[in-house]
Amino acid sequence: MEVTAYDNLSIDYFYLGEIAKSNYYHDRIMRGKTENNKSIVKKVSCNLLVSRREHRHNIELRKNGEK
């Protein structure tokens, strides 16, 4: 999943004309370099994603009259 995100970032930056940033993310893809599991940035990002998923799930439950 992380590699797919880097691939998408690489493509986006390419189309925006940010070639240096595009190359940076492309290089990470090619080397298979991902963020260390102990990285604070990765932990914060994962916690934020989990929180957003739970929030959306709770909204859907309320829409459907569930608790």
Protein backbone atom coordinates (compact mmCIF):
# COMPACT_ATOMS: atom_id res chain seq x y z
CA MET A 1 0.00 0.00 0.00
CA GLU A 2 2.81 2.39 0.85
CA VAL A 3 4.56 1.71 -2.46
CA THR A 4 1.32 2.43 -4.32
CA ALA A 5 1.07 5.76 -2.51
CA TYR A 6 4.63 6.63 -3.53
CA ASP A 7 3.83 5.66 -7.12
CA ASN A 8 0.78 7.93 -7.14
CA LEU A 9 2.79 10.79 -5.62
CA SER A 10 5.48 10.31 -8.24
CA ILE A 11 2.93 10.50 -11.05
CA ASP A 12 1.14 13.51 -9.54
CA TYR A 13 4.37 15.45 -9.09
CA PHE A 14 5.42 14.55 -12.64
CA TYR A 15 2.23 16.05 -14.08
CA LEU A 16 2.62 19.11 -11.87
CA GLY A 17 6.08 19.62 -13.35
CA GLU A 18 7.82 18.95 -10.01
CA ILE A 19 10.39 16.62 -11.54
CA ALA A 20 12.74 16.53 -8.52
CA LYS A 21 9.91 15.42 -6.22
CA SER A 22 8.65 12.98 -8.84
CA ASN A 23 12.12 11.44 -9.10
CA TYR A 24 12.40 11.23 -5.31
CA TYR A 25 9.24 9.13 -4.97
CA HIS A 26 10.02 7.11 -8.08
CA ASP A 27 13.43 6.29 -6.61
CA ARG A 28 11.77 5.10 -3.39
CA ILE A 29 9.51 2.81 -5.42
CA MET A 30 12.38 1.35 -7.41
CA ARG A 31 14.46 0.68 -4.29
CA GLY A 32 11.46 -0.62 -2.35
CA LYS A 33 12.21 1.91 0.36
CA THR A 34 9.32 2.42 2.76
CA GLU A 35 9.00 4.32 6.00
CA ASN A 36 10.41 2.50 9.03
CA ASN A 37 7.65 0.90 11.14
CA LYS A 38 9.05 2.68 14.21
CA SER A 39 8.96 6.06 12.47
CA ILE A 40 6.94 8.69 14.29
CA VAL A 41 5.65 9.99 10.95
CA LYS A 42 4.35 6.53 10.01
CA LYS A 43 2.74 6.03 13.43
CA VAL A 44 1.00 9.41 13.27
CA SER A 45 -0.21 8.76 9.72
CA CYS A 46 -1.53 5.30 10.59
CA ASN A 47 -3.29 6.60 13.72
CA LEU A 48 -4.88 9.39 11.70
CA LEU A 49 -6.13 6.95 9.05
CA VAL A 50 -7.57 4.60 11.67
CA SER A 51 -9.29 7.52 13.38
CA ARG A 52 -10.83 8.72 10.11
CA ARG A 53 -12.05 5.23 9.24
CA GLU A 54 -13.67 4.84 12.65
CA HIS A 55 -15.30 8.25 12.31
CA ARG A 56 -16.72 7.39 8.87
CA HIS A 57 -17.87 4.02 10.13
CA ASN A 58 -19.70 5.67 13.05
CA ILE A 59 -21.37 8.13 10.66
CA GLU A 60 -22.60 5.25 8.49
CA LEU A 61 -23.94 3.43 11.55
CA ARG A 62 -25.89 6.53 12.60
CA LYS A 63 -27.28 6.93 9.07
CA ASN A 64 -28.52 3.37 9.20
CA GLY A 65 -30.02 3.80 12.67
CA GLU A 66 -27.48 1.54 14.33
CA LYS A 67 -25.30 2.24 17.36
